Protein backbone atom coordinates (compact mmCIF):
# COMPACT_ATOMS: atom_id res chain seq x y z
CA MET A 1 0.37 -0.21 0.57
CA PHE A 2 1.23 4.00 -0.85
CA MET A 3 1.97 5.13 1.98
CA LYS A 4 2.62 9.55 1.52
CA THR A 5 5.46 11.62 2.42
CA TYR A 6 4.47 14.66 3.90
CA HIS A 7 7.84 18.02 4.33
CA TYR A 8 6.00 20.62 6.48
CA THR A 9 7.57 23.67 8.47
CA TYR A 10 6.57 24.00 11.19
CA ILE A 11 6.45 26.07 14.78
CA SER A 12 6.55 24.58 17.79
CA PHE A 13 6.02 27.17 21.04
CA ASP A 14 5.42 26.91 24.68
CA GLU A 15 3.82 28.65 26.55
CA ASN A 16 6.02 31.07 27.66
CA GLY A 17 5.82 31.88 24.45
CA ASN A 18 8.42 31.60 23.49
CA LYS A 19 8.87 29.41 19.42
CA TYR A 20 11.49 27.12 17.33
CA HIS A 21 11.10 27.01 13.86
CA GLY A 22 12.26 24.22 11.74
CA VAL A 23 11.51 21.59 8.97
CA ARG A 24 9.96 17.45 9.02
CA SER A 25 9.01 14.67 7.22
CA CYS A 26 6.42 12.53 8.12
CA LYS A 27 5.27 9.01 6.74
CA SER A 28 2.03 7.38 6.72
CA ILE A 29 0.65 10.37 8.69
CA THR A 30 -0.42 14.11 8.45
CA PRO A 31 1.95 17.02 9.59
CA TRP A 32 -1.50 17.02 12.53
CA GLU A 33 -0.92 13.96 13.70
CA ASP A 34 2.61 14.33 14.05
CA SER A 35 4.31 14.55 17.40
CA TYR A 36 7.29 15.41 16.40
CA LEU A 37 7.39 19.43 17.85
CA GLY A 38 11.69 20.25 17.15
CA SER A 39 15.33 19.15 17.82
CA PHE A 40 15.81 22.36 20.33
CA GLU A 41 18.94 22.42 22.22
CA ASP A 42 17.54 25.12 24.41
CA LYS A 43 15.95 23.32 27.33
CA ASN A 44 14.60 25.71 29.19
CA PHE A 45 12.21 25.83 26.36
CA VAL A 46 9.24 23.16 26.57
CA PRO A 47 6.95 22.96 23.59
CA ILE A 48 2.86 22.17 24.34
CA GLY A 49 2.32 22.00 21.00
CA LYS A 50 3.61 23.49 17.20
CA PHE A 51 2.18 25.26 14.86
CA VAL A 52 1.40 23.44 10.30
CA GLN A 53 3.45 26.04 8.59
CA LYS A 54 3.27 25.81 5.64
CA ILE A 55 3.32 21.78 3.35
CA PHE A 56 5.91 20.97 0.23
CA SER A 57 5.87 18.39 -2.13
CA CYS A 58 9.42 18.20 -1.07
CA ARG A 59 11.98 17.74 0.82
CA ARG A 60 14.22 19.87 -0.96
CA THR A 61 11.36 23.67 -0.81
CA ALA A 62 11.39 22.97 2.70
CA GLU A 63 14.89 23.56 3.19
CA ARG A 64 14.32 26.28 1.19
CA PHE A 65 11.69 28.35 2.76
CA GLU A 66 13.25 26.78 6.08
CA SER A 67 16.16 28.80 5.26
CA TRP A 68 14.33 31.51 4.08
CA PHE A 69 11.93 31.50 6.98
CA HIS A 70 15.68 31.59 9.03
CA LYS A 71 17.18 34.57 7.58
CA THR A 72 14.39 36.61 6.48
CA ASN A 73 13.77 36.85 10.90
CA ASP A 74 16.81 36.24 11.24
CA VAL A 75 15.52 33.86 14.70
CA ALA A 76 19.54 33.03 16.16
CA ASN A 77 19.80 36.43 17.24
CA SER A 78 15.53 36.61 18.01
CA PRO A 79 14.75 36.58 21.82
CA ASN A 80 11.78 35.03 20.80
CA TRP A 81 12.84 31.56 19.20
CA VAL A 82 15.13 29.17 20.76
CA ASN A 83 16.78 28.14 17.18
CA GLN A 84 20.62 28.87 17.45
CA ILE A 85 21.45 29.00 13.99
CA ASN A 86 19.78 30.28 11.08
CA ALA A 87 19.61 27.66 8.72
CA PRO A 88 21.76 26.61 5.56
CA CYS A 89 19.75 25.77 2.07
CA GLY A 90 21.07 22.12 2.90
CA TRP A 91 22.22 19.35 1.39
CA SER A 92 19.96 20.23 -1.32
CA GLU A 93 21.61 23.11 -1.85
CA LYS A 94 24.98 24.52 -2.73
CA CYS A 95 25.38 28.27 -0.12
CA VAL A 96 27.84 29.97 1.04
CA GLU A 97 27.27 28.98 3.99
CA ASN A 98 26.82 24.92 3.57
CA SER A 99 30.03 24.55 1.42
CA ILE A 100 29.34 20.29 -0.04
CA LYS A 101 33.33 19.24 1.11
CA PRO A 102 31.37 17.45 3.64
CA ARG A 103 28.86 16.02 1.38
CA MET A 104 31.45 15.50 -1.09
CA GLY A 105 30.26 11.62 -2.34
CA LYS A 106 26.94 10.48 -0.30
CA ARG A 107 23.35 10.12 -0.60
CA PRO A 108 20.54 11.04 0.90
CA CYS A 109 18.92 8.25 2.04
CA ILE A 110 15.72 8.29 3.79
CA ASN A 111 13.61 5.20 5.70
CA SER A 112 10.65 4.24 6.25
CA SER A 113 9.89 7.56 9.04
CA GLY A 114 10.64 9.78 5.90
CA ASP A 115 13.66 9.89 8.48
CA ILE A 116 15.95 11.58 5.58
CA LYS A 117 20.20 11.71 5.95
CA LEU A 118 23.31 11.35 4.05
CA PHE A 119 25.25 8.19 3.85
CA VAL A 120 28.27 6.59 1.72
CA LYS A 121 26.17 3.87 0.85
CA CYS A 122 22.39 3.85 2.73
CA GLU A 123 22.31 1.82 5.37
CA ARG A 124 19.52 -2.01 6.50
CA ASP A 125 16.73 -0.42 6.52
CA TRP A 126 17.23 3.12 4.30
CA GLN A 127 16.22 3.13 0.91
CA ILE A 128 18.07 5.93 -1.80
CA TYR A 129 16.48 9.07 -1.64
CA ARG A 130 14.64 10.00 -4.93
CA ARG A 131 13.03 13.76 -5.36
CA ASN A 132 10.57 12.90 -7.74
CA HIS A 133 10.00 8.72 -7.35
CA ASP A 134 9.18 7.78 -10.56
CA ALA A 135 12.11 9.27 -12.34
CA GLY A 136 14.00 6.66 -14.66
CA LYS A 137 11.00 4.07 -13.99
CA LYS A 138 9.60 3.30 -17.21
CA TRP A 139 6.38 1.87 -17.93
CA TRP A 140 5.12 -1.84 -18.26
CA THR A 141 2.41 -3.67 -19.63
CA ASN A 142 1.32 -7.13 -18.98
CA LYS A 143 1.17 -8.89 -21.90
CA LEU A 144 -2.19 -11.56 -19.90
CA THR A 145 -4.52 -8.81 -17.97
CA GLY A 146 -3.55 -5.31 -19.60
CA LYS A 147 -2.76 -3.54 -16.21
CA LYS A 148 0.13 -1.58 -16.27
CA ILE A 149 2.74 0.55 -13.57
CA LYS A 150 5.33 2.34 -13.86
CA ALA A 151 8.64 0.70 -12.53
CA PHE A 152 12.84 0.53 -12.39
CA GLU A 153 13.16 -3.04 -13.69
CA ASP A 154 11.79 -5.49 -15.57
CA PRO A 155 8.78 -6.21 -13.59
CA GLY A 156 8.88 -10.91 -14.78
CA PRO A 157 8.72 -12.45 -17.53
CA ASP A 158 5.40 -11.43 -18.72
CA TRP A 159 5.89 -7.79 -18.52
CA GLU A 160 6.74 -5.76 -21.45
CA GLN A 161 8.00 -2.34 -22.28
CA MET A 162 6.62 0.19 -22.78
CA GLY A 163 7.18 3.33 -24.40
CA ASN A 164 8.08 5.79 -27.89
CA ASN A 165 11.45 3.36 -27.82
CA THR A 166 10.72 1.65 -31.74
CA THR A 167 15.06 1.26 -32.38
CA GLY A 168 14.69 -1.75 -34.71
CA THR A 169 11.35 -1.57 -35.59
CA LYS A 170 9.75 -2.50 -37.97
CA TRP A 171 5.14 -0.85 -38.85
CA TRP A 172 3.86 -4.75 -39.70
CA ILE A 173 -0.13 -4.75 -40.85
CA ASN A 174 -2.60 -8.04 -40.27
CA LYS A 175 -3.43 -8.14 -43.66
CA ILE A 176 -7.02 -9.44 -42.60
CA THR A 177 -7.85 -7.04 -40.21
CA GLY A 178 -6.43 -3.72 -41.51
CA LYS A 179 -4.42 -3.09 -37.97
CA ARG A 180 -0.77 -2.02 -37.30
CA LYS A 181 1.73 -2.26 -34.85
CA ARG A 182 5.29 -2.20 -34.55
CA SER A 183 7.33 -4.87 -33.71
CA LYS A 184 11.53 -6.70 -33.68
CA VAL A 185 9.76 -9.36 -35.48
CA CYS A 186 6.14 -10.85 -37.33
CA PRO A 187 4.05 -10.33 -34.62
CA GLY A 188 2.03 -13.72 -36.18
CA GLU A 189 1.07 -15.41 -38.62
CA ASN A 190 -1.09 -12.71 -41.80
CA TRP A 191 0.37 -9.77 -40.47
CA THR A 192 3.13 -8.10 -42.99
CA ASN A 193 5.23 -5.69 -42.76
CA VAL A 194 5.11 -4.69 -46.89
CA ASN A 195 3.23 -1.33 -46.89
CA ALA A 196 2.15 -1.12 -43.89
CA ARG A 197 3.07 2.91 -43.46
CA ASN A 198 0.51 4.52 -42.75
CA LYS A 199 -0.08 6.33 -46.06
CA THR A 200 -2.21 8.99 -45.26
CA LYS A 201 -1.71 12.55 -43.56
CA ALA A 202 -3.35 15.73 -44.30
CA THR A 203 0.21 17.34 -46.37
CA SER A 204 1.13 14.41 -48.63
CA GLY A 205 0.42 16.41 -51.64
CA LYS A 206 0.36 19.18 -50.36
CA ILE A 207 1.92 22.81 -50.10
CA TRP A 208 2.33 25.68 -48.67
CA VAL A 209 2.33 28.64 -50.60
CA ILE A 210 1.48 33.01 -49.96
CA GLU A 211 -1.51 33.96 -52.31
CA LEU A 212 -0.37 36.94 -53.88
CA LEU A 213 -3.89 38.84 -53.85
CA SER A 214 -4.41 38.03 -49.85
CA ASN A 215 -1.11 37.85 -49.44
CA LYS A 216 -1.78 35.10 -46.81
CA ARG A 217 0.06 31.60 -46.17
CA ILE A 218 -2.77 28.51 -47.25
CA LEU A 219 -2.05 25.01 -47.45
CA ILE A 220 -3.21 23.62 -51.46
CA GLU A 221 -2.68 20.66 -53.85
CA LYS A 222 0.39 20.57 -55.47
CA GLU A 223 -1.03 20.43 -58.51
CA LEU A 224 -3.00 23.68 -58.04
CA PHE A 225 0.01 26.36 -57.65
CA ASP A 226 -0.07 28.52 -60.12
CA LYS A 227 3.07 31.27 -60.74
CA LYS A 228 1.33 34.01 -61.21
CA LEU A 229 -1.43 32.30 -58.32
CA HIS A 230 0.90 31.60 -55.80
CA LYS A 231 4.23 31.85 -54.62
CA LYS A 232 6.22 29.06 -52.04
CA SER A 233 6.47 30.11 -48.26
CA GLY A 234 9.65 29.78 -46.38
CA PRO A 235 12.66 30.68 -46.03
CA ASN A 236 13.65 28.69 -47.93
CA ALA A 237 11.05 28.83 -50.85
CA ASN A 238 12.73 29.47 -54.29
CA LYS A 239 15.97 27.44 -53.38
CA THR A 240 17.28 24.28 -54.77
CA TRP A 241 20.01 22.21 -54.50
CA GLN A 242 23.28 22.97 -56.19
CA LYS A 243 26.63 21.60 -56.00
CA ASP A 244 29.10 23.67 -54.56
CA PRO A 245 32.49 23.74 -57.10
CA GLU A 246 34.99 24.26 -55.34
CA THR A 247 34.00 21.44 -51.76
CA GLY A 248 32.39 19.11 -55.05
CA LYS A 249 29.65 18.68 -52.14
CA ARG A 250 25.31 19.37 -51.80
CA ILE A 251 23.79 22.73 -50.85
CA TYR A 252 20.73 24.14 -50.69
CA SER A 253 20.69 27.99 -53.00
CA SER A 254 19.19 30.33 -54.60
């Protein structure tokens, strides 16, 4: 079962009006159900609740907002905030305050609780964190049921990859039904690749011209082209292929 991960910023508060601002990711529960109140160091700060400030689509955006909020309100030097520093942009940003050198060779990993840490290699119960969890996945369809899913690897022998990759395929047409499809090999009996391409195109046998009387660009049949009524349209309309006398190559010129 898919469990949604929430990324949000929050403000914890105590009875004396002191506040703490932070960023948090939680999984399978909403931010309002999450009992987390912050990772503050001030022992005198005893929060009694928190205010969910803003929800984001990814952790990176949440960290950037946290950094902007801290610098704008200067929470590190404000008596009403218990934050000890103004948070840098986080591991996802190349900021002056947060050098990328300590992160060299490390990758962000996420656990089942939604916590994100940097590891050279993800430890047990952790997996590589992807901001877009569908990035790199491919569409697969079940040949028996027709069900479609996204996955990084082949789900099994009953599945085939979908997509627009037509490398190495040919057009095939069924001589009985007229149905067309692409395949690397013949799909079966009564299929042929002879004249399998779709010959019907909206612009087949037509050209774009400019009508001299109205100065409008129109699409007409090639047989109807008349130099007295039309002129060819486009930057290469009056150019032809010629042979360059110096290089011997064919060039497109007037």
